[in-house]
Amino acid sequence: MKKSILEFYALAICFMTIACFAITFGLMSYEVIRIVNPEFTINNTVYEKHLDNSNFWNDYLPGCANYVKNTCVEDDKRPSEDILTKRREASYAIEIKSEVRNAKQSFIKMLIIILIDVFVFFPHWKIARRARETAA
């Protein structure tokens, strides 16, 4: 059974859309995990900065208003543990919200790619079937 150029072209496009679908579906699965459990997927550096008040103070330096030659010149002393804990928890909540928002954006982008794949795949599948029928 000899394949026509049109059938070969259509099947090649179908193959590429299936490959694109498989890759995108895998990436979308990870984005779902990011949405459902952002604390698991958050960047390790950000996570470590929020583990305790010392890490938070050293990495974020909320009392540091001036920098002189890449060295912090602190205007204020380290705040009390209660205040620092509240700042750290608020900052962590913002980081989690940001992680979820970024994951949702990525998920929507990949959903658009999947929809385009579907709109490209099915017409080319029909073209390949018609080309095979006419060649037979």
N, C-alpha and C. Protein backbone atom coordinates (compact mmCIF):
# COMPACT_ATOMS: atom_id res chain seq x y z
N MET A 1 0.86 -1.17 0.00
CA MET A 1 0.00 0.00 0.00
C MET A 1 0.90 1.24 0.00
N LYS A 2 0.84 1.98 -1.06
CA LYS A 2 1.69 3.15 -1.22
C LYS A 2 1.01 4.38 -0.63
N LYS A 3 1.78 5.12 0.16
CA LYS A 3 1.23 6.33 0.79
C LYS A 3 1.44 7.52 -0.13
N SER A 4 0.43 8.36 -0.22
CA SER A 4 0.58 9.58 -1.00
C SER A 4 1.30 10.64 -0.17
N ILE A 5 1.79 11.63 -0.84
CA ILE A 5 2.48 12.73 -0.15
C ILE A 5 1.51 13.44 0.79
N LEU A 6 0.28 13.60 0.37
CA LEU A 6 -0.72 14.26 1.21
C LEU A 6 -0.99 13.44 2.48
N GLU A 7 -1.09 12.13 2.34
CA GLU A 7 -1.31 11.28 3.51
C GLU A 7 -0.10 11.34 4.45
N PHE A 8 1.09 11.29 3.88
CA PHE A 8 2.30 11.36 4.70
C PHE A 8 2.37 12.68 5.46
N TYR A 9 2.06 13.77 4.77
CA TYR A 9 2.06 15.10 5.41
C TYR A 9 1.06 15.14 6.56
N ALA A 10 -0.17 14.68 6.31
CA ALA A 10 -1.22 14.73 7.32
C ALA A 10 -0.87 13.86 8.53
N LEU A 11 -0.31 12.68 8.28
CA LEU A 11 0.07 11.81 9.39
C LEU A 11 1.26 12.39 10.17
N ALA A 12 2.15 13.08 9.49
CA ALA A 12 3.28 13.73 10.19
C ALA A 12 2.76 14.83 11.12
N ILE A 13 1.80 15.59 10.65
CA ILE A 13 1.21 16.65 11.48
C ILE A 13 0.49 16.01 12.68
N CYS A 14 -0.23 14.92 12.45
CA CYS A 14 -0.92 14.22 13.54
C CYS A 14 0.09 13.72 14.57
N PHE A 15 1.19 13.16 14.10
CA PHE A 15 2.23 12.68 15.02
C PHE A 15 2.78 13.82 15.86
N MET A 16 3.06 14.95 15.25
CA MET A 16 3.60 16.09 15.98
C MET A 16 2.60 16.63 17.00
N THR A 17 1.32 16.66 16.65
CA THR A 17 0.33 17.16 17.60
C THR A 17 0.18 16.20 18.78
N ILE A 18 0.29 14.91 18.53
CA ILE A 18 0.20 13.94 19.64
C ILE A 18 1.41 14.09 20.54
N ALA A 19 2.60 14.29 19.97
CA ALA A 19 3.81 14.50 20.78
C ALA A 19 3.66 15.78 21.62
N CYS A 20 3.18 16.82 20.99
CA CYS A 20 2.96 18.09 21.70
C CYS A 20 1.93 17.91 22.82
N PHE A 21 0.88 17.18 22.53
CA PHE A 21 -0.16 16.90 23.53
C PHE A 21 0.43 16.16 24.72
N ALA A 22 1.24 15.14 24.47
CA ALA A 22 1.81 14.34 25.55
C ALA A 22 2.71 15.19 26.45
N ILE A 23 3.55 16.00 25.85
CA ILE A 23 4.44 16.85 26.63
C ILE A 23 3.63 17.87 27.43
N THR A 24 2.69 18.51 26.79
CA THR A 24 1.89 19.53 27.45
C THR A 24 1.04 18.92 28.57
N PHE A 25 0.51 17.74 28.35
CA PHE A 25 -0.28 17.09 29.38
C PHE A 25 0.56 16.80 30.62
N GLY A 26 1.81 16.38 30.41
CA GLY A 26 2.71 16.15 31.55
C GLY A 26 2.98 17.43 32.31
N LEU A 27 3.23 18.51 31.60
CA LEU A 27 3.47 19.80 32.25
C LEU A 27 2.22 20.31 32.96
N MET A 28 1.06 20.08 32.36
CA MET A 28 -0.19 20.49 33.01
C MET A 28 -0.41 19.73 34.30
N SER A 29 -0.02 18.48 34.33
CA SER A 29 -0.16 17.68 35.56
C SER A 29 0.64 18.30 36.69
N TYR A 30 1.84 18.77 36.37
CA TYR A 30 2.66 19.42 37.40
C TYR A 30 2.02 20.73 37.86
N GLU A 31 1.42 21.47 36.94
CA GLU A 31 0.75 22.72 37.32
C GLU A 31 -0.43 22.45 38.24
N VAL A 32 -1.12 21.34 38.03
CA VAL A 32 -2.22 20.97 38.94
C VAL A 32 -1.66 20.72 40.34
N ILE A 33 -0.52 20.05 40.42
CA ILE A 33 0.11 19.83 41.73
C ILE A 33 0.49 21.17 42.36
N ARG A 34 1.00 22.10 41.55
CA ARG A 34 1.36 23.42 42.07
C ARG A 34 0.13 24.16 42.61
N ILE A 35 -1.01 23.98 41.98
CA ILE A 35 -2.23 24.65 42.42
C ILE A 35 -2.76 24.01 43.70
N VAL A 36 -2.75 22.68 43.75
CA VAL A 36 -3.31 21.95 44.88
C VAL A 36 -2.40 22.00 46.10
N ASN A 37 -1.08 21.91 45.89
CA ASN A 37 -0.15 21.87 47.01
C ASN A 37 1.05 22.81 46.75
N PRO A 38 0.82 24.12 46.82
CA PRO A 38 1.90 25.06 46.49
C PRO A 38 3.07 25.02 47.47
N GLU A 39 2.82 24.60 48.69
CA GLU A 39 3.92 24.52 49.66
C GLU A 39 4.94 23.46 49.27
N PHE A 40 4.52 22.45 48.53
CA PHE A 40 5.42 21.40 48.08
C PHE A 40 6.26 21.86 46.88
N THR A 41 5.68 22.67 46.03
CA THR A 41 6.36 23.04 44.78
C THR A 41 7.05 24.41 44.83
N ILE A 42 6.89 25.12 45.93
CA ILE A 42 7.48 26.46 46.02
C ILE A 42 9.01 26.34 45.93
N ASN A 43 9.63 27.36 45.41
CA ASN A 43 11.09 27.41 45.25
C ASN A 43 11.77 27.14 46.59
N ASN A 44 12.81 26.30 46.58
CA ASN A 44 13.50 25.93 47.82
C ASN A 44 14.11 27.14 48.53
N THR A 45 14.65 28.07 47.79
CA THR A 45 15.25 29.26 48.40
C THR A 45 14.20 30.05 49.16
N VAL A 46 13.06 30.24 48.56
CA VAL A 46 11.97 30.97 49.22
C VAL A 46 11.51 30.20 50.45
N TYR A 47 11.37 28.89 50.31
CA TYR A 47 10.93 28.06 51.44
C TYR A 47 11.90 28.16 52.61
N GLU A 48 13.18 28.05 52.33
CA GLU A 48 14.18 28.10 53.39
C GLU A 48 14.23 29.46 54.08
N LYS A 49 13.96 30.52 53.35
CA LYS A 49 13.95 31.86 53.94
C LYS A 49 12.81 32.02 54.94
N HIS A 50 11.77 31.22 54.78
CA HIS A 50 10.60 31.34 55.65
C HIS A 50 10.53 30.28 56.73
N LEU A 51 11.57 29.47 56.88
CA LEU A 51 11.54 28.40 57.88
C LEU A 51 11.52 28.93 59.31
N ASP A 52 12.30 29.94 59.58
CA ASP A 52 12.32 30.50 60.93
C ASP A 52 12.64 32.00 60.86
N ASN A 53 12.51 32.66 62.00
CA ASN A 53 12.69 34.11 62.04
C ASN A 53 14.11 34.54 61.70
N SER A 54 15.10 33.76 62.10
CA SER A 54 16.49 34.13 61.81
C SER A 54 16.76 34.12 60.31
N ASN A 55 16.32 33.06 59.64
CA ASN A 55 16.49 33.02 58.19
C ASN A 55 15.76 34.17 57.52
N PHE A 56 14.55 34.42 57.98
CA PHE A 56 13.76 35.51 57.39
C PHE A 56 14.45 36.85 57.59
N TRP A 57 14.91 37.12 58.77
CA TRP A 57 15.56 38.40 59.06
C TRP A 57 16.85 38.55 58.26
N ASN A 58 17.64 37.50 58.19
CA ASN A 58 18.91 37.57 57.49
C ASN A 58 18.75 37.69 55.98
N ASP A 59 17.73 37.03 55.42
CA ASP A 59 17.57 37.04 53.98
C ASP A 59 16.75 38.22 53.46
N TYR A 60 15.75 38.63 54.21
CA TYR A 60 14.90 39.71 53.75
C TYR A 60 15.28 41.07 54.33
N LEU A 61 15.89 41.07 55.48
CA LEU A 61 16.32 42.30 56.15
C LEU A 61 15.28 43.42 56.07
N PRO A 62 14.10 43.19 56.67
CA PRO A 62 13.05 44.21 56.58
C PRO A 62 13.42 45.52 57.26
N GLY A 63 14.42 45.53 58.13
CA GLY A 63 14.82 46.77 58.79
C GLY A 63 15.90 47.49 58.04
N CYS A 64 16.29 46.96 56.89
CA CYS A 64 17.39 47.54 56.13
C CYS A 64 16.84 48.49 55.08
N ALA A 65 17.10 49.76 55.25
CA ALA A 65 16.60 50.75 54.31
C ALA A 65 17.72 51.28 53.41
N ASN A 66 18.96 51.17 53.83
CA ASN A 66 20.08 51.73 53.07
C ASN A 66 21.12 50.66 52.77
N TYR A 67 21.67 50.76 51.57
CA TYR A 67 22.76 49.87 51.19
C TYR A 67 23.96 50.73 50.82
N VAL A 68 25.10 50.41 51.42
CA VAL A 68 26.34 51.11 51.12
C VAL A 68 27.34 50.06 50.67
N LYS A 69 27.72 50.11 49.39
CA LYS A 69 28.66 49.14 48.82
C LYS A 69 28.22 47.70 49.12
N ASN A 70 26.96 47.38 48.79
CA ASN A 70 26.38 46.05 48.97
C ASN A 70 26.35 45.57 50.42
N THR A 71 26.47 46.47 51.35
CA THR A 71 26.39 46.12 52.77
C THR A 71 25.21 46.87 53.36
N CYS A 72 24.43 46.15 54.12
CA CYS A 72 23.25 46.76 54.71
C CYS A 72 23.63 47.64 55.89
N VAL A 73 23.12 48.85 55.87
CA VAL A 73 23.26 49.74 57.01
C VAL A 73 21.88 49.82 57.64
N GLU A 74 21.70 49.12 58.74
CA GLU A 74 20.38 49.01 59.34
C GLU A 74 19.98 50.30 60.05
N ASP A 75 18.74 50.68 59.78
CA ASP A 75 18.18 51.85 60.46
C ASP A 75 17.58 51.43 61.80
N ASP A 76 17.02 50.24 61.85
CA ASP A 76 16.33 49.77 63.05
C ASP A 76 17.00 48.50 63.56
N LYS A 77 16.78 48.23 64.79
CA LYS A 77 17.23 46.97 65.38
C LYS A 77 16.25 45.88 64.97
N ARG A 78 16.65 44.67 65.21
CA ARG A 78 15.76 43.54 64.92
C ARG A 78 14.50 43.66 65.77
N PRO A 79 13.32 43.52 65.13
CA PRO A 79 12.07 43.63 65.90
C PRO A 79 11.89 42.42 66.83
N SER A 80 10.89 42.50 67.66
CA SER A 80 10.60 41.40 68.58
C SER A 80 10.22 40.15 67.79
N GLU A 81 10.31 39.02 68.43
CA GLU A 81 10.01 37.74 67.77
C GLU A 81 8.55 37.69 67.30
N ASP A 82 7.63 38.26 68.07
CA ASP A 82 6.22 38.25 67.66
C ASP A 82 6.02 39.03 66.36
N ILE A 83 6.60 40.20 66.29
CA ILE A 83 6.47 41.03 65.08
C ILE A 83 7.15 40.35 63.90
N LEU A 84 8.33 39.83 64.14
CA LEU A 84 9.06 39.15 63.07
C LEU A 84 8.31 37.91 62.57
N THR A 85 7.70 37.18 63.49
CA THR A 85 6.91 36.01 63.11
C THR A 85 5.72 36.44 62.25
N LYS A 86 5.04 37.50 62.62
CA LYS A 86 3.91 37.99 61.83
C LYS A 86 4.34 38.41 60.44
N ARG A 87 5.48 39.11 60.35
CA ARG A 87 6.01 39.52 59.03
C ARG A 87 6.37 38.30 58.18
N ARG A 88 7.01 37.32 58.81
CA ARG A 88 7.43 36.11 58.09
C ARG A 88 6.21 35.34 57.59
N GLU A 89 5.21 35.18 58.44
CA GLU A 89 4.01 34.46 58.04
C GLU A 89 3.25 35.20 56.94
N ALA A 90 3.19 36.52 57.04
CA ALA A 90 2.53 37.30 56.00
C ALA A 90 3.28 37.19 54.68
N SER A 91 4.59 37.24 54.75
CA SER A 91 5.41 37.11 53.55
C SER A 91 5.25 35.72 52.93
N TYR A 92 5.20 34.70 53.76
CA TYR A 92 5.03 33.33 53.26
C TYR A 92 3.66 33.16 52.59
N ALA A 93 2.63 33.75 53.18
CA ALA A 93 1.30 33.68 52.58
C ALA A 93 1.29 34.33 51.20
N ILE A 94 2.01 35.44 51.05
CA ILE A 94 2.10 36.11 49.75
C ILE A 94 2.83 35.22 48.75
N GLU A 95 3.91 34.58 49.20
CA GLU A 95 4.66 33.68 48.32
C GLU A 95 3.79 32.51 47.85
N ILE A 96 2.98 31.96 48.75
CA ILE A 96 2.09 30.86 48.40
C ILE A 96 1.04 31.32 47.39
N LYS A 97 0.45 32.50 47.61
CA LYS A 97 -0.53 33.04 46.67
C LYS A 97 0.10 33.24 45.29
N SER A 98 1.33 33.73 45.30
CA SER A 98 2.04 33.96 44.04
C SER A 98 2.29 32.64 43.31
N GLU A 99 2.66 31.60 44.05
CA GLU A 99 2.90 30.28 43.46
C GLU A 99 1.63 29.75 42.81
N VAL A 100 0.51 29.87 43.50
CA VAL A 100 -0.76 29.39 42.96
C VAL A 100 -1.16 30.19 41.72
N ARG A 101 -1.00 31.50 41.79
CA ARG A 101 -1.36 32.36 40.65
C ARG A 101 -0.51 32.02 39.43
N ASN A 102 0.79 31.86 39.62
CA ASN A 102 1.67 31.51 38.51
C ASN A 102 1.30 30.15 37.92
N ALA A 103 0.95 29.20 38.78
CA ALA A 103 0.54 27.88 38.31
C ALA A 103 -0.74 27.95 37.50
N LYS A 104 -1.70 28.75 37.96
CA LYS A 104 -2.95 28.91 37.22
C LYS A 104 -2.71 29.53 35.86
N GLN A 105 -1.84 30.53 35.81
CA GLN A 105 -1.51 31.16 34.53
C GLN A 105 -0.88 30.15 33.57
N SER A 106 0.07 29.38 34.07
CA SER A 106 0.72 28.37 33.23
C SER A 106 -0.27 27.31 32.77
N PHE A 107 -1.16 26.91 33.66
CA PHE A 107 -2.17 25.91 33.31
C PHE A 107 -3.05 26.41 32.17
N ILE A 108 -3.47 27.66 32.25
CA ILE A 108 -4.33 28.23 31.19
C ILE A 108 -3.57 28.30 29.86
N LYS A 109 -2.31 28.69 29.91
CA LYS A 109 -1.50 28.73 28.68
C LYS A 109 -1.41 27.35 28.05
N MET A 110 -1.20 26.34 28.88
CA MET A 110 -1.09 24.97 28.35
C MET A 110 -2.43 24.44 27.87
N LEU A 111 -3.50 24.87 28.50
CA LEU A 111 -4.83 24.49 28.03
C LEU A 111 -5.07 25.06 26.64
N ILE A 112 -4.62 26.27 26.41
CA ILE A 112 -4.74 26.87 25.07
C ILE A 112 -3.94 26.05 24.06
N ILE A 113 -2.75 25.61 24.44
CA ILE A 113 -1.94 24.77 23.54
C ILE A 113 -2.67 23.47 23.22
N ILE A 114 -3.29 22.86 24.23
CA ILE A 114 -4.04 21.62 24.01
C ILE A 114 -5.19 21.86 23.04
N LEU A 115 -5.91 22.97 23.21
CA LEU A 115 -7.03 23.28 22.31
C LEU A 115 -6.55 23.48 20.88
N ILE A 116 -5.43 24.16 20.72
CA ILE A 116 -4.87 24.34 19.37
C ILE A 116 -4.47 22.99 18.79
N ASP A 117 -3.89 22.12 19.63
CA ASP A 117 -3.54 20.77 19.17
C ASP A 117 -4.75 20.03 18.64
N VAL A 118 -5.84 20.12 19.37
CA VAL A 118 -7.07 19.42 18.96
C VAL A 118 -7.56 19.97 17.63
N PHE A 119 -7.54 21.30 17.49
CA PHE A 119 -8.01 21.91 16.24
C PHE A 119 -7.09 21.63 15.06
N VAL A 120 -5.84 21.31 15.31
CA VAL A 120 -4.92 20.95 14.23
C VAL A 120 -4.99 19.45 13.95
N PHE A 121 -5.12 18.63 14.99
CA PHE A 121 -5.08 17.19 14.82
C PHE A 121 -6.26 16.66 13.99
N PHE A 122 -7.48 16.98 14.39
CA PHE A 122 -8.64 16.34 13.76
C PHE A 122 -8.79 16.63 12.26
N PRO A 123 -8.60 17.86 11.79
CA PRO A 123 -8.67 18.06 10.33
C PRO A 123 -7.59 17.27 9.58
N HIS A 124 -6.39 17.22 10.15
CA HIS A 124 -5.33 16.48 9.47
C HIS A 124 -5.57 14.97 9.51
N TRP A 125 -6.21 14.49 10.57
CA TRP A 125 -6.57 13.08 10.63
C TRP A 125 -7.58 12.74 9.53
N LYS A 126 -8.54 13.63 9.34
CA LYS A 126 -9.53 13.43 8.27
C LYS A 126 -8.87 13.48 6.90
N ILE A 127 -7.91 14.41 6.73
CA ILE A 127 -7.19 14.51 5.45
C ILE A 127 -6.43 13.21 5.18
N ALA A 128 -5.78 12.67 6.21
CA ALA A 128 -5.02 11.42 6.04
C ALA A 128 -5.95 10.26 5.69
N ARG A 129 -7.11 10.19 6.32
CA ARG A 129 -8.06 9.11 6.03
C ARG A 129 -8.58 9.22 4.60
N ARG A 130 -8.91 10.44 4.18
CA ARG A 130 -9.40 10.63 2.80
C ARG A 130 -8.31 10.31 1.79
N ALA A 131 -7.08 10.71 2.08
CA ALA A 131 -5.99 10.42 1.15
C ALA A 131 -5.74 8.92 1.04
N ARG A 132 -5.89 8.19 2.16
CA ARG A 132 -5.71 6.74 2.12
C ARG A 132 -6.83 6.08 1.34
N GLU A 133 -8.07 6.57 1.50
CA GLU A 133 -9.20 6.01 0.78
C GLU A 133 -9.09 6.24 -0.71
N THR A 134 -8.64 7.42 -1.11
CA THR A 134 -8.54 7.71 -2.53
C THR A 134 -7.35 7.00 -3.16
N ALA A 135 -6.31 6.68 -2.38
CA ALA A 135 -5.15 5.97 -2.91
C ALA A 135 -5.42 4.49 -3.06
N ALA A 136 -6.40 4.00 -2.31
CA ALA A 136 -6.67 2.55 -2.37
C ALA A 136 -7.48 2.14 -3.56
